[in-house]
Protein backbone atom coordinates (compact mmCIF):
# COMPACT_ATOMS: atom_id res chain seq x y z
CA UNK A 1 0.00 0.00 0.00
CA UNK A 2 0.94 3.65 -0.28
CA UNK A 3 2.94 5.32 2.50
CA UNK A 4 1.02 7.51 4.94
CA UNK A 5 2.96 10.65 3.92
CA UNK A 6 3.28 11.37 0.20
CA UNK A 7 4.70 14.06 -2.05
CA UNK A 8 5.20 14.86 -5.72
CA UNK A 9 8.00 16.45 -7.73
CA UNK A 10 8.55 20.20 -7.46
CA UNK A 11 7.51 20.68 -11.08
CA UNK A 12 4.17 18.91 -10.67
CA UNK A 13 3.58 20.70 -7.39
CA UNK A 14 4.10 24.08 -9.09
CA UNK A 15 1.69 23.08 -11.87
CA UNK A 16 -0.95 22.09 -9.31
CA UNK A 17 -0.50 25.39 -7.47
CA UNK A 18 -0.76 27.38 -10.71
CA UNK A 19 -3.91 25.47 -11.60
CA UNK A 20 -5.32 26.34 -8.17
CA UNK A 21 -4.65 30.03 -8.69
CA UNK A 22 -6.47 29.88 -12.04
CA UNK A 23 -9.41 27.64 -11.13
CA UNK A 24 -9.59 27.51 -7.29
CA UNK A 25 -9.39 23.70 -7.43
CA UNK A 26 -7.10 22.54 -4.64
CA UNK A 27 -3.92 20.62 -5.50
CA UNK A 28 -5.14 17.40 -3.90
CA UNK A 29 -8.36 17.38 -5.95
CA UNK A 30 -6.45 18.24 -9.13
CA UNK A 31 -4.00 15.43 -8.37
CA UNK A 32 -6.89 12.94 -8.06
CA UNK A 33 -8.33 14.03 -11.41
CA UNK A 34 -4.89 13.91 -13.04
CA UNK A 35 -4.23 10.41 -11.66
CA UNK A 36 -7.43 8.95 -13.08
CA UNK A 37 -6.99 10.75 -16.43
CA UNK A 38 -3.57 9.15 -16.70
CA UNK A 39 -4.87 5.68 -15.87
CA UNK A 40 -7.70 6.07 -18.39
CA UNK A 41 -5.25 7.18 -21.07
CA UNK A 42 -3.28 3.94 -20.70
CA UNK A 43 -0.07 5.40 -19.24
CA UNK A 44 2.13 2.76 -17.58
CA UNK A 45 4.82 3.60 -15.04
CA UNK A 46 8.28 2.11 -15.54
CA UNK A 47 11.45 2.46 -13.52
CA UNK A 48 12.67 4.89 -16.23
CA UNK A 49 9.79 7.21 -15.27
CA UNK A 50 10.90 7.32 -11.64
CA UNK A 51 11.88 10.80 -10.47
CA UNK A 52 13.00 12.26 -7.20
CA UNK A 53 9.92 13.25 -5.23
CA UNK A 54 11.28 16.53 -3.93
CA UNK A 55 8.19 18.71 -3.58
CA UNK A 56 7.64 20.65 -0.38
CA UNK A 57 3.93 19.80 -0.17
CA UNK A 58 4.05 16.64 1.94
CA UNK A 59 0.52 15.53 2.80
CA UNK A 60 -0.91 12.39 4.28
CA UNK A 61 -2.49 9.99 1.84
CA UNK A 62 -5.99 10.69 3.18
CA UNK A 63 -5.59 14.35 2.15
CA UNK A 64 -4.07 13.54 -1.24
CA UNK A 65 -6.58 10.82 -2.11
CA UNK A 66 -9.70 11.66 -0.10
CA UNK A 67 -12.65 9.40 -0.82
CA UNK A 68 -10.74 7.87 -3.74
CA UNK A 69 -8.11 6.33 -1.45
CA UNK A 70 -9.30 2.72 -1.62
CA UNK A 71 -9.92 2.71 -5.36
CA UNK A 72 -6.64 4.52 -6.07
CA UNK A 73 -4.66 1.98 -4.05
CA UNK A 74 -6.51 -0.92 -5.66
CA UNK A 75 -5.91 0.42 -9.19
CA UNK A 76 -2.22 0.81 -8.40
CA UNK A 77 -1.98 -2.70 -6.91
CA UNK A 78 -3.76 -4.23 -9.91
CA UNK A 79 -1.61 -2.34 -12.39
CA UNK A 80 1.67 -2.78 -10.47
CA UNK A 81 1.42 -5.91 -8.25
CA UNK A 82 5.20 -6.03 -7.82
CA UNK A 83 5.42 -2.54 -6.26
CA UNK A 84 4.92 -1.48 -2.64
CA UNK A 85 5.60 1.51 -0.41
CA UNK A 86 7.83 4.19 -1.93
CA UNK A 87 7.89 2.49 -5.34
CA UNK A 88 4.08 2.54 -5.42
CA UNK A 89 4.19 6.22 -4.42
CA UNK A 90 6.53 6.86 -7.36
CA UNK A 91 4.01 5.17 -9.68
CA UNK A 92 1.20 7.34 -8.27
CA UNK A 93 3.33 10.47 -8.70
CA UNK A 94 4.20 9.52 -12.29
CA UNK A 95 0.50 9.09 -13.08
CA UNK A 96 -0.29 12.49 -11.55
CA UNK A 97 2.51 14.05 -13.62
CA UNK A 98 1.23 12.38 -16.79
CA UNK A 99 -2.38 13.41 -16.13
CA UNK A 100 -1.67 17.00 -15.13
CA UNK A 101 -0.05 17.68 -18.52
CA UNK A 102 -3.50 17.94 -20.11
CA UNK A 103 -4.94 20.07 -17.29
CA UNK A 104 -2.21 22.46 -16.23
CA UNK A 105 -2.87 25.29 -18.69
CA UNK A 106 -6.56 25.77 -17.97
CA UNK A 107 -7.32 29.40 -17.10
CA UNK A 108 -10.83 29.19 -15.65
CA UNK A 109 -12.96 26.68 -13.84
CA UNK A 110 -15.42 26.42 -16.72
CA UNK A 111 -12.59 25.77 -19.19
CA UNK A 112 -11.14 23.21 -16.79
CA UNK A 113 -14.46 21.38 -16.37
CA UNK A 114 -14.98 21.23 -20.12
CA UNK A 115 -11.52 19.69 -20.50
CA UNK A 116 -12.24 16.77 -18.18
C-alpha atoms as a PDB file:
ATOM      1  CA  UNK A   1       0.000   0.000   0.000  1.00  0.00           C
ATOM      2  CA  UNK A   2       0.936   3.646  -0.282  1.00  0.00           C
ATOM      3  CA  UNK A   3       2.942   5.320   2.495  1.00  0.00           C
ATOM      4  CA  UNK A   4       1.025   7.507   4.944  1.00  0.00           C
ATOM      5  CA  UNK A   5       2.961  10.653   3.920  1.00  0.00           C
ATOM      6  CA  UNK A   6       3.284  11.372   0.203  1.00  0.00           C
ATOM      7  CA  UNK A   7       4.701  14.061  -2.054  1.00  0.00           C
ATOM      8  CA  UNK A   8       5.203  14.863  -5.724  1.00  0.00           C
ATOM      9  CA  UNK A   9       8.001  16.447  -7.731  1.00  0.00           C
ATOM     10  CA  UNK A  10       8.545  20.203  -7.457  1.00  0.00           C
ATOM     11  CA  UNK A  11       7.505  20.685 -11.080  1.00  0.00           C
ATOM     12  CA  UNK A  12       4.166  18.910 -10.673  1.00  0.00           C
ATOM     13  CA  UNK A  13       3.577  20.699  -7.394  1.00  0.00           C
ATOM     14  CA  UNK A  14       4.098  24.076  -9.091  1.00  0.00           C
ATOM     15  CA  UNK A  15       1.692  23.082 -11.871  1.00  0.00           C
ATOM     16  CA  UNK A  16      -0.949  22.089  -9.312  1.00  0.00           C
ATOM     17  CA  UNK A  17      -0.504  25.392  -7.467  1.00  0.00           C
ATOM     18  CA  UNK A  18      -0.759  27.377 -10.708  1.00  0.00           C
ATOM     19  CA  UNK A  19      -3.905  25.471 -11.598  1.00  0.00           C
ATOM     20  CA  UNK A  20      -5.322  26.338  -8.170  1.00  0.00           C
ATOM     21  CA  UNK A  21      -4.648  30.033  -8.691  1.00  0.00           C
ATOM     22  CA  UNK A  22      -6.468  29.882 -12.043  1.00  0.00           C
ATOM     23  CA  UNK A  23      -9.408  27.636 -11.127  1.00  0.00           C
ATOM     24  CA  UNK A  24      -9.589  27.506  -7.287  1.00  0.00           C
ATOM     25  CA  UNK A  25      -9.391  23.705  -7.431  1.00  0.00           C
ATOM     26  CA  UNK A  26      -7.103  22.540  -4.641  1.00  0.00           C
ATOM     27  CA  UNK A  27      -3.919  20.616  -5.504  1.00  0.00           C
ATOM     28  CA  UNK A  28      -5.137  17.397  -3.896  1.00  0.00           C
ATOM     29  CA  UNK A  29      -8.364  17.381  -5.946  1.00  0.00           C
ATOM     30  CA  UNK A  30      -6.450  18.243  -9.133  1.00  0.00           C
ATOM     31  CA  UNK A  31      -3.997  15.428  -8.367  1.00  0.00           C
ATOM     32  CA  UNK A  32      -6.890  12.944  -8.059  1.00  0.00           C
ATOM     33  CA  UNK A  33      -8.330  14.034 -11.406  1.00  0.00           C
ATOM     34  CA  UNK A  34      -4.889  13.906 -13.035  1.00  0.00           C
ATOM     35  CA  UNK A  35      -4.234  10.408 -11.664  1.00  0.00           C
ATOM     36  CA  UNK A  36      -7.427   8.948 -13.081  1.00  0.00           C
ATOM     37  CA  UNK A  37      -6.991  10.749 -16.430  1.00  0.00           C
ATOM     38  CA  UNK A  38      -3.571   9.152 -16.698  1.00  0.00           C
ATOM     39  CA  UNK A  39      -4.866   5.680 -15.865  1.00  0.00           C
ATOM     40  CA  UNK A  40      -7.698   6.069 -18.386  1.00  0.00           C
ATOM     41  CA  UNK A  41      -5.248   7.181 -21.070  1.00  0.00           C
ATOM     42  CA  UNK A  42      -3.280   3.944 -20.703  1.00  0.00           C
ATOM     43  CA  UNK A  43      -0.066   5.398 -19.242  1.00  0.00           C
ATOM     44  CA  UNK A  44       2.132   2.763 -17.582  1.00  0.00           C
ATOM     45  CA  UNK A  45       4.820   3.599 -15.040  1.00  0.00           C
ATOM     46  CA  UNK A  46       8.283   2.113 -15.540  1.00  0.00           C
ATOM     47  CA  UNK A  47      11.454   2.460 -13.516  1.00  0.00           C
ATOM     48  CA  UNK A  48      12.667   4.886 -16.231  1.00  0.00           C
ATOM     49  CA  UNK A  49       9.790   7.213 -15.266  1.00  0.00           C
ATOM     50  CA  UNK A  50      10.897   7.315 -11.642  1.00  0.00           C
ATOM     51  CA  UNK A  51      11.883  10.799 -10.466  1.00  0.00           C
ATOM     52  CA  UNK A  52      12.998  12.263  -7.198  1.00  0.00           C
ATOM     53  CA  UNK A  53       9.916  13.249  -5.225  1.00  0.00           C
ATOM     54  CA  UNK A  54      11.284  16.532  -3.933  1.00  0.00           C
ATOM     55  CA  UNK A  55       8.193  18.713  -3.575  1.00  0.00           C
ATOM     56  CA  UNK A  56       7.636  20.646  -0.376  1.00  0.00           C
ATOM     57  CA  UNK A  57       3.934  19.800  -0.174  1.00  0.00           C
ATOM     58  CA  UNK A  58       4.048  16.635   1.944  1.00  0.00           C
ATOM     59  CA  UNK A  59       0.523  15.530   2.798  1.00  0.00           C
ATOM     60  CA  UNK A  60      -0.912  12.386   4.284  1.00  0.00           C
ATOM     61  CA  UNK A  61      -2.485   9.992   1.836  1.00  0.00           C
ATOM     62  CA  UNK A  62      -5.988  10.692   3.184  1.00  0.00           C
ATOM     63  CA  UNK A  63      -5.594  14.346   2.152  1.00  0.00           C
ATOM     64  CA  UNK A  64      -4.071  13.538  -1.242  1.00  0.00           C
ATOM     65  CA  UNK A  65      -6.576  10.816  -2.112  1.00  0.00           C
ATOM     66  CA  UNK A  66      -9.701  11.663  -0.095  1.00  0.00           C
ATOM     67  CA  UNK A  67     -12.650   9.401  -0.819  1.00  0.00           C
ATOM     68  CA  UNK A  68     -10.743   7.875  -3.744  1.00  0.00           C
ATOM     69  CA  UNK A  69      -8.107   6.333  -1.450  1.00  0.00           C
ATOM     70  CA  UNK A  70      -9.298   2.725  -1.621  1.00  0.00           C
ATOM     71  CA  UNK A  71      -9.918   2.709  -5.361  1.00  0.00           C
ATOM     72  CA  UNK A  72      -6.641   4.516  -6.067  1.00  0.00           C
ATOM     73  CA  UNK A  73      -4.664   1.983  -4.052  1.00  0.00           C
ATOM     74  CA  UNK A  74      -6.510  -0.923  -5.664  1.00  0.00           C
ATOM     75  CA  UNK A  75      -5.915   0.421  -9.186  1.00  0.00           C
ATOM     76  CA  UNK A  76      -2.219   0.807  -8.398  1.00  0.00           C
ATOM     77  CA  UNK A  77      -1.979  -2.700  -6.907  1.00  0.00           C
ATOM     78  CA  UNK A  78      -3.763  -4.233  -9.913  1.00  0.00           C
ATOM     79  CA  UNK A  79      -1.615  -2.336 -12.386  1.00  0.00           C
ATOM     80  CA  UNK A  80       1.672  -2.779 -10.467  1.00  0.00           C
ATOM     81  CA  UNK A  81       1.419  -5.907  -8.255  1.00  0.00           C
ATOM     82  CA  UNK A  82       5.201  -6.028  -7.819  1.00  0.00           C
ATOM     83  CA  UNK A  83       5.419  -2.541  -6.257  1.00  0.00           C
ATOM     84  CA  UNK A  84       4.916  -1.476  -2.643  1.00  0.00           C
ATOM     85  CA  UNK A  85       5.595   1.512  -0.410  1.00  0.00           C
ATOM     86  CA  UNK A  86       7.826   4.190  -1.931  1.00  0.00           C
ATOM     87  CA  UNK A  87       7.893   2.490  -5.335  1.00  0.00           C
ATOM     88  CA  UNK A  88       4.083   2.543  -5.419  1.00  0.00           C
ATOM     89  CA  UNK A  89       4.189   6.217  -4.424  1.00  0.00           C
ATOM     90  CA  UNK A  90       6.525   6.860  -7.365  1.00  0.00           C
ATOM     91  CA  UNK A  91       4.014   5.175  -9.680  1.00  0.00           C
ATOM     92  CA  UNK A  92       1.199   7.336  -8.272  1.00  0.00           C
ATOM     93  CA  UNK A  93       3.325  10.471  -8.701  1.00  0.00           C
ATOM     94  CA  UNK A  94       4.196   9.522 -12.290  1.00  0.00           C
ATOM     95  CA  UNK A  95       0.505   9.089 -13.083  1.00  0.00           C
ATOM     96  CA  UNK A  96      -0.285  12.493 -11.551  1.00  0.00           C
ATOM     97  CA  UNK A  97       2.512  14.050 -13.619  1.00  0.00           C
ATOM     98  CA  UNK A  98       1.231  12.385 -16.789  1.00  0.00           C
ATOM     99  CA  UNK A  99      -2.375  13.407 -16.131  1.00  0.00           C
ATOM    100  CA  UNK A 100      -1.667  16.998 -15.127  1.00  0.00           C
ATOM    101  CA  UNK A 101      -0.053  17.679 -18.517  1.00  0.00           C
ATOM    102  CA  UNK A 102      -3.505  17.939 -20.108  1.00  0.00           C
ATOM    103  CA  UNK A 103      -4.941  20.070 -17.294  1.00  0.00           C
ATOM    104  CA  UNK A 104      -2.206  22.459 -16.234  1.00  0.00           C
ATOM    105  CA  UNK A 105      -2.874  25.292 -18.695  1.00  0.00           C
ATOM    106  CA  UNK A 106      -6.565  25.772 -17.971  1.00  0.00           C
ATOM    107  CA  UNK A 107      -7.319  29.395 -17.096  1.00  0.00           C
ATOM    108  CA  UNK A 108     -10.828  29.189 -15.647  1.00  0.00           C
ATOM    109  CA  UNK A 109     -12.963  26.677 -13.840  1.00  0.00           C
ATOM    110  CA  UNK A 110     -15.419  26.421 -16.716  1.00  0.00           C
ATOM    111  CA  UNK A 111     -12.591  25.771 -19.192  1.00  0.00           C
ATOM    112  CA  UNK A 112     -11.137  23.207 -16.785  1.00  0.00           C
ATOM    113  CA  UNK A 113     -14.459  21.376 -16.367  1.00  0.00           C
ATOM    114  CA  UNK A 114     -14.979  21.228 -20.123  1.00  0.00           C
ATOM    115  CA  UNK A 115     -11.517  19.686 -20.498  1.00  0.00           C
ATOM    116  CA  UNK A 116     -12.241  16.774 -18.179  1.00  0.00           C
END
